[in-house]
Amino acid sequence: MHAATPKLAAIAAATLAVTVIGIYTVNRLAAVPGEGVAQAGAALERIAAAFRTGTVTVEFRDYVTRTRGTNHLQVASLQSVDTFTRTDSTAIFWDSLRLPDVTVQLQTPVEYIYFLDLDGPWRFQWEEDRQAVRVDAPGLGWNTPAVDLARLRILVVDGSLLRDEADAVDRLKRQMPELLHQTARSKLPLVRELARRETRRFVENWFVAVRFHDAAVKPHVSEVYFADEPPAAAPATPAAGLLAPAKD
């Protein structure tokens, strides 16, 4: 009986408050003539609807902090579902008592976009013996990886009541930009040949086709090398020199 007394007292207090508010509202409405009553009634209806269904407000704010031009040629994209893991270890009492480890994970789909800088160092070399063009292109770069936040999953692999799991998750989130940068670099071998093929197509369509537009037989691109690869072997025979842009 003693345990139920506080609940009964709370219910009685709430009932009394609602009754007082109701009497006060009726008295106020009675004192407001005509149109004022209608407006007050509409306001009460909106309040009642909010109590019945809940009110959700979605707000978007956009702060543009920087704009700049880019001259990039996108040559490859890669989509994957990546898992990033962090294990936190600690001890107390001057490292004499080791607390349980906390291991957390973030799983999310990520899209990686790789590009070549068109303002970077490009070299087009004519190989006489092969009647072809060799291309030395800039190294592959990548945009900031795009994380699908709608499908981001947070997992506590190993937890403990003695540790702050939320803090471990926050620390992993703060590490994400650097982890994504490292992951983009590690995936370069997966896209390099695709990037090489797309670069060859670009050069053949936009450079060779223009430079040799009046030639009976248009040369092809023999090789494409990126600056971030090991140095390419020199041509078997001396090249005729660098190709100059086509003249009008």
C-alpha atoms as a PDB file:
ATOM      1  CA  MET A   1       0.000   0.000   0.000  1.00  0.00           C
ATOM      2  CA  HIS A   2       2.844   2.361   0.786  1.00  0.00           C
ATOM      3  CA  ALA A   3       4.434   1.761  -2.624  1.00  0.00           C
ATOM      4  CA  ALA A   4       1.225   2.668  -4.453  1.00  0.00           C
ATOM      5  CA  THR A   5       0.669   5.888  -2.482  1.00  0.00           C
ATOM      6  CA  PRO A   6       3.179   8.051  -4.467  1.00  0.00           C
ATOM      7  CA  LYS A   7       1.645   6.885  -7.779  1.00  0.00           C
ATOM      8  CA  LEU A   8      -1.872   7.707  -6.572  1.00  0.00           C
ATOM      9  CA  ALA A   9      -0.703  11.093  -5.361  1.00  0.00           C
ATOM     10  CA  ALA A  10       0.931  11.836  -8.729  1.00  0.00           C
ATOM     11  CA  ILE A  11      -2.210  10.797 -10.632  1.00  0.00           C
ATOM     12  CA  ALA A  12      -4.390  12.943  -8.366  1.00  0.00           C
ATOM     13  CA  ALA A  13      -2.083  15.940  -8.846  1.00  0.00           C
ATOM     14  CA  ALA A  14      -2.093  15.528 -12.638  1.00  0.00           C
ATOM     15  CA  THR A  15      -5.890  15.212 -12.665  1.00  0.00           C
ATOM     16  CA  LEU A  16      -6.258  18.335 -10.565  1.00  0.00           C
ATOM     17  CA  ALA A  17      -3.881  20.265 -12.879  1.00  0.00           C
ATOM     18  CA  VAL A  18      -5.794  19.249 -16.002  1.00  0.00           C
ATOM     19  CA  THR A  19      -9.104  20.197 -14.347  1.00  0.00           C
ATOM     20  CA  VAL A  20      -7.826  23.620 -13.307  1.00  0.00           C
ATOM     21  CA  ILE A  21      -6.384  24.273 -16.802  1.00  0.00           C
ATOM     22  CA  GLY A  22      -9.685  23.204 -18.356  1.00  0.00           C
ATOM     23  CA  ILE A  23     -11.760  25.517 -16.147  1.00  0.00           C
ATOM     24  CA  TYR A  24      -9.334  28.371 -16.798  1.00  0.00           C
ATOM     25  CA  THR A  25      -9.479  27.812 -20.566  1.00  0.00           C
ATOM     26  CA  VAL A  26     -13.276  27.695 -20.612  1.00  0.00           C
ATOM     27  CA  ASN A  27     -13.444  30.931 -18.625  1.00  0.00           C
ATOM     28  CA  ARG A  28     -11.002  32.597 -21.002  1.00  0.00           C
ATOM     29  CA  LEU A  29     -12.930  31.449 -24.056  1.00  0.00           C
ATOM     30  CA  ALA A  30     -16.145  32.726 -22.541  1.00  0.00           C
ATOM     31  CA  ALA A  31     -14.528  36.128 -22.123  1.00  0.00           C
ATOM     32  CA  VAL A  32     -13.392  36.287 -25.782  1.00  0.00           C
ATOM     33  CA  PRO A  33     -16.162  37.250 -28.226  1.00  0.00           C
ATOM     34  CA  GLY A  34     -16.826  35.885 -31.738  1.00  0.00           C
ATOM     35  CA  GLU A  35     -13.747  35.584 -33.910  1.00  0.00           C
ATOM     36  CA  GLY A  36     -11.407  35.388 -30.936  1.00  0.00           C
ATOM     37  CA  VAL A  37     -13.173  32.240 -29.743  1.00  0.00           C
ATOM     38  CA  ALA A  38     -12.717  30.615 -33.141  1.00  0.00           C
ATOM     39  CA  GLN A  39      -8.996  31.456 -33.217  1.00  0.00           C
ATOM     40  CA  ALA A  40      -8.457  30.207 -29.700  1.00  0.00           C
ATOM     41  CA  GLY A  41     -10.367  27.031 -30.491  1.00  0.00           C
ATOM     42  CA  ALA A  42      -8.187  26.440 -33.580  1.00  0.00           C
ATOM     43  CA  ALA A  43      -5.056  26.924 -31.486  1.00  0.00           C
ATOM     44  CA  LEU A  44      -6.291  24.404 -28.927  1.00  0.00           C
ATOM     45  CA  GLU A  45      -7.044  21.958 -31.743  1.00  0.00           C
ATOM     46  CA  ARG A  46      -3.478  22.235 -33.024  1.00  0.00           C
ATOM     47  CA  ILE A  47      -2.140  21.678 -29.526  1.00  0.00           C
ATOM     48  CA  ALA A  48      -4.384  18.652 -29.063  1.00  0.00           C
ATOM     49  CA  ALA A  49      -3.278  17.245 -32.429  1.00  0.00           C
ATOM     50  CA  ALA A  50       0.337  17.648 -31.423  1.00  0.00           C
ATOM     51  CA  PHE A  51      -0.296  15.717 -28.200  1.00  0.00           C
ATOM     52  CA  ARG A  52      -2.097  12.971 -30.106  1.00  0.00           C
ATOM     53  CA  THR A  53       0.314  12.455 -33.027  1.00  0.00           C
ATOM     54  CA  GLY A  54       3.573  14.135 -32.060  1.00  0.00           C
ATOM     55  CA  THR A  55       5.248  16.891 -34.004  1.00  0.00           C
ATOM     56  CA  VAL A  56       8.467  16.308 -35.960  1.00  0.00           C
ATOM     57  CA  THR A  57      10.512  19.181 -37.345  1.00  0.00           C
ATOM     58  CA  VAL A  58      13.224  18.519 -39.937  1.00  0.00           C
ATOM     59  CA  GLU A  59      15.600  21.387 -40.591  1.00  0.00           C
ATOM     60  CA  PHE A  60      18.453  21.646 -43.100  1.00  0.00           C
ATOM     61  CA  ARG A  61      21.106  24.335 -42.919  1.00  0.00           C
ATOM     62  CA  ASP A  62      23.765  24.789 -45.566  1.00  0.00           C
ATOM     63  CA  TYR A  63      26.967  26.695 -44.866  1.00  0.00           C
ATOM     64  CA  VAL A  64      29.198  27.047 -47.918  1.00  0.00           C
ATOM     65  CA  THR A  65      32.724  27.487 -46.574  1.00  0.00           C
ATOM     66  CA  ARG A  66      34.806  27.117 -49.733  1.00  0.00           C
ATOM     67  CA  THR A  67      34.521  26.740 -53.484  1.00  0.00           C
ATOM     68  CA  ARG A  68      37.335  25.960 -55.892  1.00  0.00           C
ATOM     69  CA  GLY A  69      37.711  24.686 -59.406  1.00  0.00           C
ATOM     70  CA  THR A  70      39.160  21.279 -60.208  1.00  0.00           C
ATOM     71  CA  ASN A  71      40.557  19.862 -63.420  1.00  0.00           C
ATOM     72  CA  HIS A  72      40.334  16.148 -62.726  1.00  0.00           C
ATOM     73  CA  LEU A  73      39.730  13.205 -64.997  1.00  0.00           C
ATOM     74  CA  GLN A  74      37.772  10.479 -63.205  1.00  0.00           C
ATOM     75  CA  VAL A  75      39.172   7.133 -64.311  1.00  0.00           C
ATOM     76  CA  ALA A  76      37.819   4.598 -61.801  1.00  0.00           C
ATOM     77  CA  SER A  77      35.339   4.105 -58.991  1.00  0.00           C
ATOM     78  CA  LEU A  78      35.053   1.344 -56.448  1.00  0.00           C
ATOM     79  CA  GLN A  79      32.229   0.503 -54.067  1.00  0.00           C
ATOM     80  CA  SER A  80      32.739  -1.704 -51.036  1.00  0.00           C
ATOM     81  CA  VAL A  81      31.362  -2.405 -47.580  1.00  0.00           C
ATOM     82  CA  ASP A  82      34.173  -1.639 -45.160  1.00  0.00           C
ATOM     83  CA  THR A  83      34.581  -2.488 -41.495  1.00  0.00           C
ATOM     84  CA  PHE A  84      36.731  -0.301 -39.249  1.00  0.00           C
ATOM     85  CA  THR A  85      37.696  -1.726 -35.858  1.00  0.00           C
ATOM     86  CA  ARG A  86      39.167  -0.114 -32.757  1.00  0.00           C
ATOM     87  CA  THR A  87      40.275  -1.895 -29.585  1.00  0.00           C
ATOM     88  CA  ASP A  88      40.876   0.207 -26.469  1.00  0.00           C
ATOM     89  CA  SER A  89      42.995  -1.147 -23.638  1.00  0.00           C
ATOM     90  CA  THR A  90      43.609   0.520 -20.294  1.00  0.00           C
ATOM     91  CA  ALA A  91      44.695  -0.146 -16.734  1.00  0.00           C
ATOM     92  CA  ILE A  92      44.198   1.600 -13.390  1.00  0.00           C
ATOM     93  CA  PHE A  93      46.045   1.842 -10.093  1.00  0.00           C
ATOM     94  CA  TRP A  94      49.328   2.770 -11.772  1.00  0.00           C
ATOM     95  CA  ASP A  95      48.889   0.097 -14.437  1.00  0.00           C
ATOM     96  CA  SER A  96      48.647  -2.617 -11.817  1.00  0.00           C
ATOM     97  CA  LEU A  97      45.034  -3.568 -12.670  1.00  0.00           C
ATOM     98  CA  ARG A  98      44.165  -4.120 -16.325  1.00  0.00           C
ATOM     99  CA  LEU A  99      40.552  -3.462 -17.253  1.00  0.00           C
ATOM    100  CA  PRO A 100      38.727  -5.490 -19.925  1.00  0.00           C
ATOM    101  CA  ASP A 101      39.359  -4.405 -23.516  1.00  0.00           C
ATOM    102  CA  VAL A 102      36.626  -2.671 -25.485  1.00  0.00           C
ATOM    103  CA  THR A 103      36.386  -3.455 -29.199  1.00  0.00           C
ATOM    104  CA  VAL A 104      34.006  -1.473 -31.405  1.00  0.00           C
ATOM    105  CA  GLN A 105      33.340  -1.536 -35.135  1.00  0.00           C
ATOM    106  CA  LEU A 106      31.871   0.746 -37.760  1.00  0.00           C
ATOM    107  CA  GLN A 107      30.496  -0.976 -40.863  1.00  0.00           C
ATOM    108  CA  THR A 108      29.414   1.113 -43.836  1.00  0.00           C
ATOM    109  CA  PRO A 109      29.215   1.098 -47.630  1.00  0.00           C
ATOM    110  CA  VAL A 110      31.858   3.417 -49.112  1.00  0.00           C
ATOM    111  CA  GLU A 111      32.427   4.671 -52.650  1.00  0.00           C
ATOM    112  CA  TYR A 112      35.982   5.512 -53.688  1.00  0.00           C
ATOM    113  CA  ILE A 113      36.554   7.769 -56.725  1.00  0.00           C
ATOM    114  CA  TYR A 114      39.992   7.809 -58.388  1.00  0.00           C
ATOM    115  CA  PHE A 115      41.186  10.514 -60.778  1.00  0.00           C
ATOM    116  CA  LEU A 116      44.096  11.976 -62.719  1.00  0.00           C
ATOM    117  CA  ASP A 117      45.033  15.640 -62.439  1.00  0.00           C
ATOM    118  CA  LEU A 118      44.822  17.135 -65.918  1.00  0.00           C
ATOM    119  CA  ASP A 119      47.072  19.972 -64.737  1.00  0.00           C
ATOM    120  CA  GLY A 120      49.702  17.474 -63.609  1.00  0.00           C
ATOM    121  CA  PRO A 121      52.784  16.256 -65.523  1.00  0.00           C
ATOM    122  CA  TRP A 122      51.707  14.459 -68.719  1.00  0.00           C
ATOM    123  CA  ARG A 123      54.149  13.131 -71.305  1.00  0.00           C
ATOM    124  CA  PHE A 124      53.191  11.794 -74.727  1.00  0.00           C
ATOM    125  CA  GLN A 125      56.019  10.049 -76.543  1.00  0.00           C
ATOM    126  CA  TRP A 126      56.034   8.740 -80.096  1.00  0.00           C
ATOM    127  CA  GLU A 127      57.428   5.235 -80.556  1.00  0.00           C
ATOM    128  CA  GLU A 128      58.585   5.004 -84.145  1.00  0.00           C
ATOM    129  CA  ASP A 129      59.118   1.260 -84.228  1.00  0.00           C
ATOM    130  CA  ARG A 130      55.615   0.544 -82.950  1.00  0.00           C
ATOM    131  CA  GLN A 131      53.873   3.467 -84.599  1.00  0.00           C
ATOM    132  CA  ALA A 132      52.247   4.143 -81.279  1.00  0.00           C
ATOM    133  CA  VAL A 133      52.072   6.669 -78.469  1.00  0.00           C
ATOM    134  CA  ARG A 134      53.366   5.988 -74.989  1.00  0.00           C
ATOM    135  CA  VAL A 135      51.702   7.970 -72.196  1.00  0.00           C
ATOM    136  CA  ASP A 136      53.299   8.917 -68.891  1.00  0.00           C
ATOM    137  CA  ALA A 137      50.436  10.196 -66.742  1.00  0.00           C
ATOM    138  CA  PRO A 138      50.316  11.722 -63.239  1.00  0.00           C
ATOM    139  CA  GLY A 139      49.870   9.444 -60.266  1.00  0.00           C
ATOM    140  CA  LEU A 140      46.403   8.327 -59.317  1.00  0.00           C
ATOM    141  CA  GLY A 141      44.624  10.457 -56.745  1.00  0.00           C
ATOM    142  CA  TRP A 142      41.290  10.025 -55.018  1.00  0.00           C
ATOM    143  CA  ASN A 143      38.441  12.142 -53.760  1.00  0.00           C
ATOM    144  CA  THR A 144      37.281  12.085 -50.172  1.00  0.00           C
ATOM    145  CA  PRO A 145      35.568   8.676 -49.890  1.00  0.00           C
ATOM    146  CA  ALA A 146      31.772   8.907 -49.799  1.00  0.00           C
ATOM    147  CA  VAL A 147      30.284   7.128 -46.767  1.00  0.00           C
ATOM    148  CA  ASP A 148      26.655   5.965 -46.868  1.00  0.00           C
ATOM    149  CA  LEU A 149      25.576   7.294 -43.469  1.00  0.00           C
ATOM    150  CA  ALA A 150      22.077   5.839 -43.857  1.00  0.00           C
ATOM    151  CA  ARG A 151      23.551   2.332 -43.728  1.00  0.00           C
ATOM    152  CA  LEU A 152      26.226   2.952 -41.107  1.00  0.00           C
ATOM    153  CA  ARG A 153      26.248   0.257 -38.403  1.00  0.00           C
ATOM    154  CA  ILE A 154      27.880   0.619 -35.000  1.00  0.00           C
ATOM    155  CA  LEU A 155      28.833  -2.638 -33.307  1.00  0.00           C
ATOM    156  CA  VAL A 156      30.273  -3.290 -29.863  1.00  0.00           C
ATOM    157  CA  VAL A 157      32.216  -6.506 -30.378  1.00  0.00           C
ATOM    158  CA  ASP A 158      33.660  -6.690 -26.853  1.00  0.00           C
ATOM    159  CA  GLY A 159      32.196  -4.519 -24.124  1.00  0.00           C
ATOM    160  CA  SER A 160      32.433  -4.136 -20.383  1.00  0.00           C
ATOM    161  CA  LEU A 161      30.436  -2.463 -17.644  1.00  0.00           C
ATOM    162  CA  LEU A 162      33.723  -1.077 -16.387  1.00  0.00           C
ATOM    163  CA  ARG A 163      34.499   0.755 -19.642  1.00  0.00           C
ATOM    164  CA  ASP A 164      32.933   3.613 -21.572  1.00  0.00           C
ATOM    165  CA  GLU A 165      31.874   1.994 -24.842  1.00  0.00           C
ATOM    166  CA  ALA A 166      30.387   5.230 -26.211  1.00  0.00           C
ATOM    167  CA  ASP A 167      33.745   6.951 -25.818  1.00  0.00           C
ATOM    168  CA  ALA A 168      35.428   4.182 -27.810  1.00  0.00           C
ATOM    169  CA  VAL A 169      32.868   4.643 -30.595  1.00  0.00           C
ATOM    170  CA  ASP A 170      33.435   8.427 -30.620  1.00  0.00           C
ATOM    171  CA  ARG A 171      37.192   7.921 -30.860  1.00  0.00           C
ATOM    172  CA  LEU A 172      36.741   5.568 -33.808  1.00  0.00           C
ATOM    173  CA  LYS A 173      34.487   8.098 -35.556  1.00  0.00           C
ATOM    174  CA  ARG A 174      37.160  10.758 -35.165  1.00  0.00           C
ATOM    175  CA  GLN A 175      39.655   8.384 -36.749  1.00  0.00           C
ATOM    176  CA  MET A 176      37.450   7.761 -39.784  1.00  0.00           C
ATOM    177  CA  PRO A 177      38.880  10.446 -42.135  1.00  0.00           C
ATOM    178  CA  GLU A 178      42.423   9.112 -41.774  1.00  0.00           C
ATOM    179  CA  LEU A 179      41.255   5.488 -41.935  1.00  0.00           C
ATOM    180  CA  LEU A 180      39.313   6.186 -45.133  1.00  0.00           C
ATOM    181  CA  HIS A 181      42.358   7.888 -46.655  1.00  0.00           C
ATOM    182  CA  GLN A 182      44.528   4.874 -45.838  1.00  0.00           C
ATOM    183  CA  THR A 183      41.889   2.494 -47.199  1.00  0.00           C
ATOM    184  CA  ALA A 184      41.622   4.454 -50.458  1.00  0.00           C
ATOM    185  CA  ARG A 185      45.373   4.108 -50.899  1.00  0.00           C
ATOM    186  CA  SER A 186      45.307   0.389 -50.097  1.00  0.00           C
ATOM    187  CA  LYS A 187      42.657  -0.223 -52.778  1.00  0.00           C
ATOM    188  CA  LEU A 188      44.760   1.303 -55.570  1.00  0.00           C
ATOM    189  CA  PRO A 189      45.845  -2.125 -56.890  1.00  0.00           C
ATOM    190  CA  LEU A 190      42.174  -3.029 -57.354  1.00  0.00           C
ATOM    191  CA  VAL A 191      41.492  -0.121 -59.711  1.00  0.00           C
ATOM    192  CA  ARG A 192      44.851   0.506 -61.382  1.00  0.00           C
ATOM    193  CA  GLU A 193      44.249  -1.580 -64.503  1.00  0.00           C
ATOM    194  CA  LEU A 194      40.750  -0.146 -64.887  1.00  0.00           C
ATOM    195  CA  ALA A 195      42.238   3.341 -64.576  1.00  0.00           C
ATOM    196  CA  ARG A 196      44.900   2.453 -67.149  1.00  0.00           C
ATOM    197  CA  ARG A 197      42.276   1.288 -69.624  1.00  0.00           C
ATOM    198  CA  GLU A 198      40.140   4.403 -69.152  1.00  0.00           C
ATOM    199  CA  THR A 199      43.190   6.646 -69.508  1.00  0.00           C
ATOM    200  CA  ARG A 200      44.098   4.914 -72.764  1.00  0.00           C
ATOM    201  CA  ARG A 201      40.579   5.512 -74.071  1.00  0.00           C
ATOM    202  CA  PHE A 202      40.723   9.165 -73.054  1.00  0.00           C
ATOM    203  CA  VAL A 203      44.061   9.763 -74.785  1.00  0.00           C
ATOM    204  CA  GLU A 204      42.981   7.965 -77.943  1.00  0.00           C
ATOM    205  CA  ASN A 205      39.690   9.874 -78.147  1.00  0.00           C
ATOM    206  CA  TRP A 206      40.882  13.336 -77.115  1.00  0.00           C
ATOM    207  CA  PHE A 207      44.543  13.539 -78.047  1.00  0.00           C
ATOM    208  CA  VAL A 208      45.547  11.027 -80.701  1.00  0.00           C
ATOM    209  CA  ALA A 209      42.346  11.551 -82.692  1.00  0.00           C
ATOM    210  CA  VAL A 210      43.000  15.316 -82.775  1.00  0.00           C
ATOM    211  CA  ARG A 211      46.770  15.178 -83.287  1.00  0.00           C
ATOM    212  CA  PHE A 212      46.480  12.686 -86.171  1.00  0.00           C
ATOM    213  CA  HIS A 213      43.059  13.692 -87.482  1.00  0.00           C
ATOM    214  CA  ASP A 214      44.282  13.815 -91.097  1.00  0.00           C
ATOM    215  CA  ALA A 215      46.457  10.681 -90.982  1.00  0.00           C
ATOM    216  CA  ALA A 216      45.472   7.724 -93.134  1.00  0.00           C
ATOM    217  CA  VAL A 217      46.117   5.359 -90.245  1.00  0.00           C
ATOM    218  CA  LYS A 218      45.743   6.675 -86.750  1.00  0.00           C
ATOM    219  CA  PRO A 219      48.239   5.328 -84.202  1.00  0.00           C
ATOM    220  CA  HIS A 220      47.189   3.661 -81.001  1.00  0.00           C
ATOM    221  CA  VAL A 221      48.292   4.102 -77.404  1.00  0.00           C
ATOM    222  CA  SER A 222      50.864   1.438 -76.667  1.00  0.00           C
ATOM    223  CA  GLU A 223      51.351   1.885 -72.935  1.00  0.00           C
ATOM    224  CA  VAL A 224      50.076   4.012 -70.075  1.00  0.00           C
ATOM    225  CA  TYR A 225      52.257   4.516 -67.020  1.00  0.00           C
ATOM    226  CA  PHE A 226      51.319   6.348 -63.844  1.00  0.00           C
ATOM    227  CA  ALA A 227      53.809   8.444 -61.915  1.00  0.00           C
ATOM    228  CA  ASP A 228      53.150   6.516 -58.696  1.00  0.00           C
ATOM    229  CA  GLU A 229      54.256   3.234 -60.325  1.00  0.00           C
ATOM    230  CA  PRO A 230      57.840   1.961 -60.545  1.00  0.00           C
ATOM    231  CA  PRO A 231      59.784   3.666 -63.347  1.00  0.00           C
ATOM    232  CA  ALA A 232      58.734   2.328 -66.741  1.00  0.00           C
ATOM    233  CA  ALA A 233      61.269   0.675 -69.012  1.00  0.00           C
ATOM    234  CA  ALA A 234      62.655   2.888 -71.769  1.00  0.00           C
ATOM    235  CA  PRO A 235      61.474   2.237 -75.335  1.00  0.00           C
ATOM    236  CA  ALA A 236      63.464  -0.341 -77.280  1.00  0.00           C
ATOM    237  CA  THR A 237      64.403   2.240 -79.929  1.00  0.00           C
ATOM    238  CA  PRO A 238      64.969   5.979 -79.605  1.00  0.00           C
ATOM    239  CA  ALA A 239      61.738   7.929 -79.693  1.00  0.00           C
ATOM    240  CA  ALA A 240      61.164  10.639 -82.229  1.00  0.00           C
ATOM    241  CA  GLY A 241      60.521  13.063 -79.384  1.00  0.00           C
ATOM    242  CA  LEU A 242      57.611  14.453 -77.487  1.00  0.00           C
ATOM    243  CA  LEU A 243      54.441  15.022 -79.420  1.00  0.00           C
ATOM    244  CA  ALA A 244      53.441  18.627 -79.798  1.00  0.00           C
ATOM    245  CA  PRO A 245      49.811  19.745 -79.761  1.00  0.00           C
ATOM    246  CA  ALA A 246      48.131  19.769 -83.126  1.00  0.00           C
ATOM    247  CA  LYS A 247      48.298  23.090 -84.993  1.00  0.00           C
ATOM    248  CA  ASP A 248      45.239  24.733 -86.417  1.00  0.00           C
END
